[in-house]
Protein backbone atom coordinates (compact mmCIF):
# COMPACT_ATOMS: atom_id res chain seq x y z
CA MET A 1 73.76 104.64 120.96
CA PRO A 2 75.33 103.66 117.58
CA LEU A 3 77.63 106.06 115.80
CA ASP A 4 75.67 108.46 113.57
CA TYR A 5 77.59 108.39 110.29
CA ASP A 6 75.66 111.21 108.57
CA LYS A 7 76.04 113.60 111.47
CA LEU A 8 79.73 112.85 111.93
CA ILE A 9 80.81 112.97 108.27
CA ASP A 10 79.35 116.47 107.96
CA PHE A 11 80.93 117.76 111.17
CA LYS A 12 83.17 120.84 110.98
CA VAL A 13 84.66 123.40 113.33
CA GLU A 14 85.52 126.53 111.37
CA GLY A 15 87.06 129.89 112.13
CA LEU A 16 88.92 128.94 115.31
CA VAL A 17 91.28 131.85 116.04
CA HIS A 18 94.53 131.16 117.91
CA ARG A 19 96.64 134.08 119.09
CA TYR A 20 100.06 133.17 120.45
CA GLY A 21 103.34 134.84 121.26
CA PRO A 22 107.04 134.08 121.70
CA LYS A 23 106.50 132.63 125.19
CA ASP A 24 104.04 130.07 123.79
CA THR A 25 106.53 129.08 121.09
CA MET A 26 109.36 128.70 123.59
CA LEU A 27 107.15 126.79 126.05
CA TYR A 28 106.14 124.31 123.36
CA ALA A 29 109.80 123.73 122.43
CA LEU A 30 110.76 123.22 126.08
CA GLY A 31 107.82 120.82 126.37
CA VAL A 32 109.22 118.50 123.69
CA GLY A 33 112.76 118.67 125.06
CA LEU A 34 114.55 121.48 123.24
CA GLY A 35 117.11 123.31 125.33
CA GLU A 36 118.35 120.18 127.08
CA ASP A 37 121.83 121.48 126.23
CA PRO A 38 121.54 125.24 126.86
CA LEU A 39 124.94 125.78 125.21
CA ASP A 40 123.77 124.29 121.90
CA GLU A 41 122.90 127.40 119.88
CA ARG A 42 120.94 125.32 117.36
CA GLN A 43 118.50 124.31 120.10
CA LEU A 44 118.64 127.74 121.71
CA ALA A 45 117.06 129.23 118.57
CA PHE A 46 113.75 127.58 119.60
CA VAL A 47 113.77 128.49 123.31
CA TYR A 48 115.29 131.99 123.37
CA GLU A 49 113.65 135.11 121.98
CA LYS A 50 116.71 136.23 119.99
CA GLU A 51 115.97 135.21 116.37
CA LEU A 52 113.30 132.83 117.66
CA LYS A 53 112.05 130.00 115.42
CA ALA A 54 108.99 127.75 115.77
CA LEU A 55 109.27 123.98 115.59
CA PRO A 56 107.35 122.40 112.69
CA THR A 57 105.62 119.99 115.10
CA MET A 58 104.07 122.96 116.90
CA ALA A 59 101.43 122.59 114.18
CA ALA A 60 99.98 119.83 116.35
CA VAL A 61 98.80 122.34 118.99
CA LEU A 62 97.97 125.49 116.99
CA ALA A 63 94.33 126.36 116.19
CA TYR A 64 93.39 122.91 117.45
CA PRO A 65 89.90 122.35 118.94
CA HIS A 66 90.60 119.95 121.82
CA ALA A 67 88.17 117.02 122.12
CA TRP A 68 86.40 118.57 119.16
CA LEU A 69 84.66 115.37 117.98
CA GLU A 70 82.54 115.45 121.13
CA GLY A 71 80.83 118.50 119.65
CA ALA A 72 79.39 116.37 116.85
CA LYS A 73 77.17 114.53 119.36
CA ALA A 74 77.32 111.60 116.97
CA GLY A 75 77.51 108.78 119.50
CA ILE A 76 81.29 108.39 119.87
CA ASP A 77 82.31 106.66 123.11
CA ARG A 78 84.83 109.25 124.33
CA VAL A 79 86.25 106.96 127.04
CA ARG A 80 87.33 104.35 124.50
CA GLN A 81 88.50 106.77 121.80
CA LEU A 82 92.22 106.74 121.00
CA HIS A 83 94.44 109.10 119.01
CA GLY A 84 95.69 106.63 116.40
CA GLU A 85 97.68 108.69 113.89
CA GLN A 86 98.98 112.22 113.43
CA GLY A 87 100.36 114.02 110.42
CA ILE A 88 101.50 117.53 109.52
CA ARG A 89 102.40 119.19 106.23
CA ILE A 90 104.13 122.57 106.47
CA HIS A 91 103.34 124.90 103.56
CA LYS A 92 105.07 127.97 105.00
CA PRO A 93 107.29 128.28 108.10
CA ILE A 94 105.22 128.66 111.25
CA PRO A 95 105.66 132.20 112.64
CA PRO A 96 107.07 132.34 116.19
CA ALA A 97 104.17 134.65 117.08
CA GLY A 98 100.96 135.58 115.34
CA GLU A 99 97.28 135.02 114.85
CA LEU A 100 96.15 131.90 113.03
CA ILE A 101 92.72 130.68 112.03
CA GLY A 102 91.94 127.00 111.75
CA SER A 103 89.16 124.94 110.21
CA SER A 104 88.75 121.26 111.08
CA ALA A 105 86.57 118.70 109.32
CA VAL A 106 85.92 114.97 109.30
CA THR A 107 87.07 113.64 105.92
CA ARG A 108 86.37 109.91 106.09
CA ILE A 109 84.93 107.24 108.42
CA VAL A 110 85.71 103.53 108.20
CA ASP A 111 83.53 100.94 109.94
CA LYS A 112 85.83 98.06 110.89
CA GLY A 113 82.89 96.02 112.17
CA LYS A 114 81.22 95.18 115.46
CA ASP A 115 83.77 94.71 118.26
CA LYS A 116 86.52 96.03 115.92
CA GLY A 117 85.80 99.74 116.17
CA ALA A 118 85.76 102.60 113.67
CA LEU A 119 88.36 104.94 112.20
CA VAL A 120 87.55 108.64 111.95
CA TYR A 121 89.90 110.64 109.71
CA SER A 122 90.06 114.42 110.05
CA GLU A 123 91.92 117.36 108.55
CA ARG A 124 92.74 120.82 109.91
CA LYS A 125 93.79 123.64 107.61
CA VAL A 126 95.41 126.60 109.33
CA HIS A 127 95.90 130.01 107.71
CA ASP A 128 97.58 133.21 108.77
CA ARG A 129 94.65 135.45 109.71
CA ALA A 130 96.19 138.66 108.35
CA SER A 131 97.54 137.44 105.00
CA GLY A 132 95.25 134.48 104.38
CA ASP A 133 98.28 132.28 103.56
CA LEU A 134 97.92 128.57 104.23
CA ILE A 135 100.58 127.81 106.86
CA PHE A 136 100.05 124.11 107.49
CA THR A 137 97.67 121.19 107.16
CA ALA A 138 97.33 118.70 110.00
CA THR A 139 95.69 115.29 109.74
CA ALA A 140 94.63 112.88 112.45
CA THR A 141 93.01 109.48 112.82
CA SER A 142 90.84 108.66 115.82
CA PHE A 143 90.37 104.99 116.64
CA CYS A 144 86.92 104.67 118.17
CA ARG A 145 87.23 101.24 119.74
CA ALA A 146 83.61 100.89 120.85
CA ASP A 147 81.86 102.36 117.80
CA GLY A 148 82.16 99.81 114.99
CA GLY A 149 79.25 97.96 113.40
CA PHE A 150 77.10 101.01 112.59
CA GLY A 151 76.66 100.06 108.93
CA GLY A 152 79.14 102.51 107.43
CA PRO A 153 81.70 101.96 104.65
CA SER A 154 84.32 99.32 105.45
CA GLY A 155 87.18 101.05 103.65
CA PRO A 156 89.49 102.04 102.32
CA ALA A 157 91.73 102.50 105.32
CA LYS A 158 94.80 104.69 105.11
CA PRO A 159 97.81 102.80 103.68
CA ILE A 160 100.55 101.97 106.17
CA PRO A 161 104.18 102.50 105.06
CA ALA A 162 106.32 99.49 106.00
CA ILE A 163 109.56 99.94 107.94
CA PRO A 164 112.48 98.43 105.97
CA ASP A 165 113.93 95.12 107.16
CA ARG A 166 117.49 96.39 107.42
CA GLU A 167 119.68 98.48 109.66
CA PRO A 168 118.63 102.16 109.84
CA ASP A 169 120.55 104.79 107.92
CA ALA A 170 120.53 107.09 110.95
CA ALA A 171 119.37 107.09 114.55
CA CYS A 172 118.94 109.63 117.33
CA GLU A 173 118.42 109.12 121.06
CA LEU A 174 116.72 111.88 123.04
CA ARG A 175 116.08 111.79 126.77
CA THR A 176 112.79 113.04 128.19
CA LEU A 177 112.65 114.70 131.59
CA PRO A 178 110.73 113.29 134.59
CA GLN A 179 108.69 116.53 134.52
CA GLN A 180 108.25 116.52 130.71
CA ALA A 181 104.48 115.92 130.74
CA LEU A 182 103.99 118.71 133.30
CA ILE A 183 105.72 121.14 130.95
CA TYR A 184 104.08 119.91 127.75
CA ARG A 185 100.54 120.08 129.14
CA LEU A 186 100.90 123.86 129.44
CA SER A 187 100.70 124.01 125.64
CA GLY A 188 97.03 123.06 125.83
CA ASP A 189 96.31 119.41 126.70
CA MET A 190 95.48 119.50 130.41
CA ASN A 191 94.27 115.88 130.66
CA ARG A 192 94.87 114.64 134.22
CA LEU A 193 96.32 111.39 132.84
CA HIS A 194 99.52 113.33 132.15
CA ALA A 195 99.85 114.91 135.60
CA ASP A 196 97.95 113.07 138.33
CA PRO A 197 99.54 109.83 139.61
CA ALA A 198 96.20 108.48 140.84
CA THR A 199 94.61 109.00 137.40
CA GLY A 200 97.53 107.22 135.77
CA ARG A 201 97.21 104.25 138.11
CA ALA A 202 93.45 104.10 137.54
CA ALA A 203 94.14 103.83 133.81
CA GLY A 204 96.44 100.85 134.41
CA PHE A 205 99.79 102.66 134.32
CA PRO A 206 102.36 103.08 137.12
CA GLY A 207 101.74 106.83 136.99
CA PRO A 208 101.22 109.68 134.50
CA ILE A 209 102.14 109.04 130.87
CA LEU A 210 103.62 111.38 128.31
CA HIS A 211 101.23 112.95 125.80
CA GLY A 212 101.30 111.14 122.46
CA LEU A 213 101.77 114.49 120.74
CA CYS A 214 104.75 115.18 122.98
CA THR A 215 106.31 111.92 121.76
CA PHE A 216 105.44 113.10 118.24
CA GLY A 217 107.35 116.31 118.97
CA VAL A 218 110.37 114.38 120.28
CA ALA A 219 110.44 112.36 117.04
CA GLY A 220 110.19 115.62 115.08
CA HIS A 221 113.14 116.95 117.08
CA ALA A 222 115.13 113.82 116.18
CA LEU A 223 114.39 114.30 112.47
CA LEU A 224 115.21 118.01 112.67
CA ARG A 225 118.47 117.35 114.47
CA THR A 226 119.66 114.40 112.40
CA LEU A 227 118.50 115.26 108.89
CA CYS A 228 117.82 119.01 108.82
CA ASP A 229 120.64 120.56 110.88
CA TYR A 230 117.92 122.23 112.98
CA ASP A 231 116.54 124.18 109.99
CA PRO A 232 112.72 124.03 110.45
CA ALA A 233 112.14 125.00 106.79
CA ARG A 234 113.61 121.66 105.71
CA LEU A 235 111.08 119.43 107.51
CA ALA A 236 108.19 119.53 105.06
CA ALA A 237 105.94 116.79 106.44
CA MET A 238 105.72 113.91 108.89
CA ASP A 239 103.09 111.30 109.61
CA VAL A 240 103.09 108.54 112.20
CA ARG A 241 101.03 105.95 114.10
CA PHE A 242 100.89 105.89 117.90
CA SER A 243 101.61 102.39 119.21
CA ALA A 244 102.49 102.60 122.94
CA PRO A 245 102.80 105.21 125.69
CA VAL A 246 106.03 106.76 126.97
CA PHE A 247 106.66 107.42 130.66
CA PRO A 248 108.27 110.76 131.53
CA GLY A 249 112.01 110.38 132.03
CA GLU A 250 112.45 107.63 129.45
CA THR A 251 114.87 107.87 126.53
CA ILE A 252 113.36 107.68 123.05
CA LEU A 253 115.32 106.23 120.14
CA THR A 254 114.22 107.33 116.66
CA GLU A 255 115.54 105.22 113.77
CA MET A 256 115.43 106.53 110.18
CA TRP A 257 115.61 104.96 106.74
CA ARG A 258 115.91 106.81 103.41
CA GLU A 259 113.60 105.17 100.86
CA ASP A 260 112.39 106.48 97.47
CA GLY A 261 112.90 110.14 98.33
CA ARG A 262 111.17 109.81 101.70
CA VAL A 263 112.35 109.13 105.23
CA LEU A 264 110.71 106.23 107.02
CA PHE A 265 111.08 106.19 110.80
CA ARG A 266 109.97 104.67 114.07
CA SER A 267 110.56 105.56 117.70
CA SER A 268 111.08 103.18 120.59
CA VAL A 269 112.01 103.06 124.27
CA PRO A 270 115.04 100.74 124.30
CA ALA A 271 114.91 100.23 128.07
CA ARG A 272 111.51 98.51 127.70
CA GLU A 273 112.07 97.20 124.14
CA VAL A 274 108.78 98.74 123.04
CA VAL A 275 107.94 100.68 119.86
CA VAL A 276 106.02 103.85 120.75
CA LEU A 277 105.65 105.45 117.29
CA ASN A 278 105.51 103.25 114.21
CA ASN A 279 105.22 103.38 110.41
CA GLY A 280 106.42 106.96 110.31
CA VAL A 281 107.08 108.77 107.05
CA ALA A 282 108.66 112.20 106.65
CA GLU A 283 109.61 114.50 103.81
CA VAL A 284 112.83 116.50 104.10
CA ARG A 285 113.65 119.37 101.77
């Protein structure tokens, strides 16, 4: 069944209410590695209820309709669909507890051609339910590997920021825990690929892999630690491409370059010499 462009481009999920509390906020932070040093009071602010703060990257899991594109029934091959890119823009600090309401919509579809797949761009706007304030906007790109050649528009694709060909201005190494995926999945993504060794092996990996959005959160932690002194109000936006999986327990190196008022970054696993997040761009206040 070819991808149905008209059905997919009009697809929306509106009014999704997400109630969460301090435990959810702390669990998310633990899931992306905060609290590794329990004596570091800057990290403790995200995993302890006293003066609790929410990480900016928690936007990735709030008011998010999991596997929502399946609801369009537009012919997407779910098995061969990949999460290609993720972005967040924080308009107001995320409350450590509250009630949010999110609306998600497909914004653009690019047909890369038969055997080349399709790109589905989406946007999620999340407001505070009580005040109506816009808290954050999240964007994502799904790479539908089996769904190209349906006769849709061939562009334009999202521009890709190039990583500078010079030494980074800053770098941060953060270790993930062997049980990291088991903790992170409790924030909402219960896919067996991140917990069940047999499922991981069936997918061609030696075992479970870390969630891409967990790696995204680790990179956000590196930016927050290195450039923002752990002040979540200073990390205004970040956007990145997923390029390779991380295995729980690996150390992630995030390199950063200051260019034209932005921060360009990429994350890698030095032990395997593989880039796991690429073409990242962030805005720091």
